[in-house]
């Protein structure tokens, strides 16, 4: 498995926001802009389409030393030789973490979605490598939000990397970063941007502003 240098900017794909552009094209531009991790999340693609796209994205990410994660399905992650799989709360009912670990292997990553501090604390004790926490703001697909008030506690209490997700864009990212978030995930804000590369660079610049000087 690649050594993880940074979880700072985590891009999740979604063709429905791509304005007719291919996911591969968007990912190419996002990599050029500086994303750190890519998650393939295509809800409306067939199994065959996911395998084909997944193998192409895995090769592209490997070439550029980017971590590549597959959404929902450890068997798909294994089939395309991804670096790991990301599971939602419902996914873990089908694929418990111990079973997922056996499927993808000890050297792969498992990420878990959480929507409350209670879920985050449970994930902290489980056999996963990183935790997503959100939605911080409501989105087109999530008509609720957990708000910004628990960001500081979530960031400070977990020994695993916590990635904050949900409706985060440049007009509200400071509200997240100033509360201690170090890692940000984006879907729509980047995928639908007219200039994906520039948008990614703007995200990274804003995130880096809050990083302590080494």
Protein backbone atom coordinates (compact mmCIF):
# COMPACT_ATOMS: atom_id res chain seq x y z
CA UNK A 1 0.00 0.00 0.00
CA UNK A 2 1.18 3.52 -0.73
CA UNK A 3 2.41 5.48 2.24
CA UNK A 4 -0.22 8.07 3.07
CA UNK A 5 1.36 11.49 3.13
CA UNK A 6 -1.78 13.49 3.63
CA UNK A 7 -5.55 13.23 3.92
CA UNK A 8 -6.00 17.00 3.42
CA UNK A 9 -8.19 17.02 0.32
CA UNK A 10 -10.33 13.97 -0.40
CA UNK A 11 -12.29 14.03 -3.65
CA UNK A 12 -15.39 11.88 -4.16
CA UNK A 13 -16.50 11.39 -7.76
CA UNK A 14 -20.07 11.77 -8.99
CA UNK A 15 -20.98 11.81 -12.66
CA UNK A 16 -24.34 13.44 -11.93
CA UNK A 17 -22.58 16.73 -11.12
CA UNK A 18 -20.06 16.54 -13.97
CA UNK A 19 -21.99 18.61 -16.52
CA UNK A 20 -21.39 16.06 -19.24
CA UNK A 21 -17.66 15.66 -18.63
CA UNK A 22 -16.24 12.20 -17.98
CA UNK A 23 -15.26 11.22 -14.47
CA UNK A 24 -11.81 10.28 -15.77
CA UNK A 25 -11.30 13.77 -17.24
CA UNK A 26 -12.36 15.40 -13.97
CA UNK A 27 -10.04 13.18 -11.96
CA UNK A 28 -7.12 14.02 -14.25
CA UNK A 29 -7.70 17.71 -13.62
CA UNK A 30 -8.20 17.19 -9.89
CA UNK A 31 -4.94 15.27 -9.60
CA UNK A 32 -3.15 18.07 -11.46
CA UNK A 33 -4.66 20.51 -8.97
CA UNK A 34 -3.39 18.59 -5.97
CA UNK A 35 -5.95 16.21 -4.44
CA UNK A 36 -4.54 13.70 -1.95
CA UNK A 37 -7.12 10.91 -2.03
CA UNK A 38 -9.75 9.87 -4.58
CA UNK A 39 -12.91 7.92 -3.87
CA UNK A 40 -14.91 6.45 -6.74
CA UNK A 41 -18.59 6.86 -5.90
CA UNK A 42 -20.82 6.38 -8.94
CA UNK A 43 -24.32 5.46 -7.78
CA UNK A 44 -25.87 5.04 -11.21
CA UNK A 45 -23.20 2.97 -12.97
CA UNK A 46 -23.51 -0.74 -13.69
CA UNK A 47 -21.13 -3.30 -12.20
CA UNK A 48 -19.33 -3.62 -15.52
CA UNK A 49 -18.99 0.17 -15.82
CA UNK A 50 -17.65 0.41 -12.27
CA UNK A 51 -15.03 -2.25 -12.90
CA UNK A 52 -13.91 -0.61 -16.15
CA UNK A 53 -13.77 2.88 -14.64
CA UNK A 54 -12.25 1.61 -11.42
CA UNK A 55 -9.34 -0.06 -13.20
CA UNK A 56 -8.65 3.08 -15.22
CA UNK A 57 -8.78 5.32 -12.15
CA UNK A 58 -6.64 2.90 -10.15
CA UNK A 59 -3.96 3.03 -12.83
CA UNK A 60 -4.15 6.82 -13.06
CA UNK A 61 -3.89 7.22 -9.29
CA UNK A 62 -1.04 4.73 -9.05
CA UNK A 63 0.87 6.64 -11.70
CA UNK A 64 0.46 9.87 -9.72
CA UNK A 65 0.92 8.37 -6.24
CA UNK A 66 -2.66 9.19 -5.21
CA UNK A 67 -4.60 6.94 -2.83
CA UNK A 68 -7.59 5.35 -4.63
CA UNK A 69 -10.65 4.25 -2.64
CA UNK A 70 -13.79 2.48 -3.86
CA UNK A 71 -17.18 3.22 -2.34
CA UNK A 72 -19.44 0.66 -0.61
CA UNK A 73 -18.13 -2.65 -1.92
CA UNK A 74 -14.94 -4.46 -0.79
CA UNK A 75 -15.32 -7.04 -3.57
CA UNK A 76 -15.27 -4.25 -6.16
CA UNK A 77 -12.28 -2.67 -4.43
CA UNK A 78 -10.42 -5.96 -4.69
CA UNK A 79 -11.47 -6.49 -8.32
CA UNK A 80 -9.96 -3.17 -9.44
CA UNK A 81 -6.94 -3.38 -7.09
CA UNK A 82 -7.91 -0.21 -5.20
CA UNK A 83 -6.00 0.97 -2.15
CA UNK A 84 -9.07 0.52 -0.01
CA UNK A 85 -12.82 0.75 0.46
CA UNK A 86 -15.11 3.25 2.13
CA UNK A 87 -18.19 1.96 3.95
CA UNK A 88 -21.33 3.72 5.12
CA UNK A 89 -23.22 2.66 8.22
CA UNK A 90 -25.63 0.54 6.15
CA UNK A 91 -22.77 -0.99 4.16
CA UNK A 92 -21.30 -2.37 7.38
CA UNK A 93 -24.46 -4.41 7.90
CA UNK A 94 -23.65 -6.25 4.65
CA UNK A 95 -19.90 -6.14 5.08
CA UNK A 96 -18.84 -6.14 8.75
CA UNK A 97 -15.37 -4.69 9.17
CA UNK A 98 -13.72 -8.00 10.05
CA UNK A 99 -15.18 -9.58 6.91
CA UNK A 100 -14.20 -6.54 4.83
CA UNK A 101 -10.63 -6.82 6.11
CA UNK A 102 -10.47 -10.45 5.02
CA UNK A 103 -11.77 -9.55 1.57
CA UNK A 104 -9.45 -6.65 0.79
CA UNK A 105 -6.38 -7.67 2.82
CA UNK A 106 -4.42 -6.35 5.76
CA UNK A 107 -2.44 -3.87 3.68
CA UNK A 108 -5.50 -2.00 2.39
CA UNK A 109 -7.43 0.94 3.84
CA UNK A 110 -10.93 0.91 5.29
CA UNK A 111 -12.80 4.18 5.76
CA UNK A 112 -16.08 4.51 7.64
CA UNK A 113 -18.79 7.18 7.38
CA UNK A 114 -20.14 8.59 10.64
CA UNK A 115 -22.92 11.09 11.31
CA UNK A 116 -22.61 11.71 15.04
CA UNK A 117 -20.02 11.72 17.78
CA UNK A 118 -21.43 8.40 18.99
CA UNK A 119 -20.85 6.77 15.61
CA UNK A 120 -17.41 8.33 15.41
CA UNK A 121 -16.49 6.92 18.81
CA UNK A 122 -17.63 3.45 17.74
CA UNK A 123 -15.60 3.72 14.54
CA UNK A 124 -12.59 4.77 16.60
CA UNK A 125 -12.66 1.40 18.33
CA UNK A 126 -13.15 -0.60 15.14
CA UNK A 127 -10.74 -1.99 12.58
CA UNK A 128 -10.82 0.98 10.21
CA UNK A 129 -8.06 3.34 9.11
CA UNK A 130 -9.88 6.67 8.81
CA UNK A 131 -13.26 8.19 9.58
CA UNK A 132 -15.51 10.50 7.58
CA UNK A 133 -17.71 12.83 9.67
CA UNK A 134 -20.70 14.69 8.28
CA UNK A 135 -22.67 16.09 6.62
CA UNK A 136 -21.40 19.31 8.16
CA UNK A 137 -23.82 21.31 6.02
CA UNK A 138 -26.93 20.09 4.22
CA UNK A 139 -26.49 19.00 0.60
CA UNK A 140 -28.59 18.08 -2.40
CA UNK A 141 -28.53 14.43 -1.28
CA UNK A 142 -28.54 14.99 2.49
CA UNK A 143 -31.32 17.29 3.67
CA UNK A 144 -29.97 17.39 7.22
CA UNK A 145 -26.69 18.50 8.75
CA UNK A 146 -24.78 17.90 11.96
CA UNK A 147 -23.44 21.45 11.96
CA UNK A 148 -20.03 22.77 12.94
CA UNK A 149 -20.37 22.62 16.73
CA UNK A 150 -18.90 19.09 17.08
CA UNK A 151 -15.97 19.55 14.69
CA UNK A 152 -13.47 20.50 17.38
CA UNK A 153 -14.36 17.53 19.55
CA UNK A 154 -14.36 15.12 16.62
CA UNK A 155 -10.98 16.36 15.41
CA UNK A 156 -9.41 16.33 18.86
CA UNK A 157 -10.70 13.06 20.29
CA UNK A 158 -10.00 10.65 17.43
CA UNK A 159 -6.61 9.00 17.05
CA UNK A 160 -7.50 8.20 13.45
CA UNK A 161 -7.64 10.75 10.62
CA UNK A 162 -11.06 12.40 10.49
CA UNK A 163 -12.26 13.74 7.16
CA UNK A 164 -15.06 16.31 7.29
CA UNK A 165 -17.63 16.14 4.52
CA UNK A 166 -20.95 17.59 3.44
CA UNK A 167 -21.67 20.83 1.63
CA UNK A 168 -18.22 22.29 2.18
CA UNK A 169 -17.16 24.92 -0.35
CA UNK A 170 -14.88 27.94 -0.36
CA UNK A 171 -17.59 30.18 1.08
CA UNK A 172 -17.89 28.11 4.28
CA UNK A 173 -14.68 26.12 4.54
CA UNK A 174 -13.21 28.58 7.07
CA UNK A 175 -16.04 27.74 9.47
CA UNK A 176 -14.79 24.15 9.39
CA UNK A 177 -11.05 24.73 9.37
CA UNK A 178 -11.04 27.28 12.17
CA UNK A 179 -12.60 24.67 14.45
CA UNK A 180 -9.69 22.30 14.02
CA UNK A 181 -10.52 20.28 10.92
CA UNK A 182 -7.42 19.29 8.97
CA UNK A 183 -8.97 17.09 6.28
CA UNK A 184 -11.78 18.08 3.92
CA UNK A 185 -13.80 15.98 1.48
CA UNK A 186 -15.59 17.45 -1.50
CA UNK A 187 -17.97 16.14 -4.11
CA UNK A 188 -20.12 18.70 -5.88
CA UNK A 189 -18.01 21.79 -5.18
CA UNK A 190 -15.11 20.34 -7.17
CA UNK A 191 -16.81 17.96 -9.60
CA UNK A 192 -19.15 20.63 -11.00
CA UNK A 193 -16.56 23.42 -11.04
CA UNK A 194 -15.96 24.84 -14.54
CA UNK A 195 -12.21 24.75 -13.84
CA UNK A 196 -11.59 21.71 -11.67
CA UNK A 197 -7.83 22.18 -11.44
CA UNK A 198 -8.12 25.77 -10.23
CA UNK A 199 -10.85 24.86 -7.77
CA UNK A 200 -8.71 22.13 -6.23
CA UNK A 201 -5.79 24.53 -5.92
CA UNK A 202 -8.03 27.03 -4.13
CA UNK A 203 -9.20 24.34 -1.72
CA UNK A 204 -5.63 23.28 -0.98
CA UNK A 205 -4.46 26.86 -0.48
CA UNK A 206 -7.24 27.47 2.04
CA UNK A 207 -6.54 24.23 3.90
CA UNK A 208 -2.82 24.97 4.03
CA UNK A 209 -3.49 28.38 5.56
CA UNK A 210 -4.66 26.61 8.71
CA UNK A 211 -1.83 24.12 8.96
CA UNK A 212 0.67 24.81 11.75
CA UNK A 213 4.11 25.81 10.57
CA UNK A 214 6.59 22.97 10.84
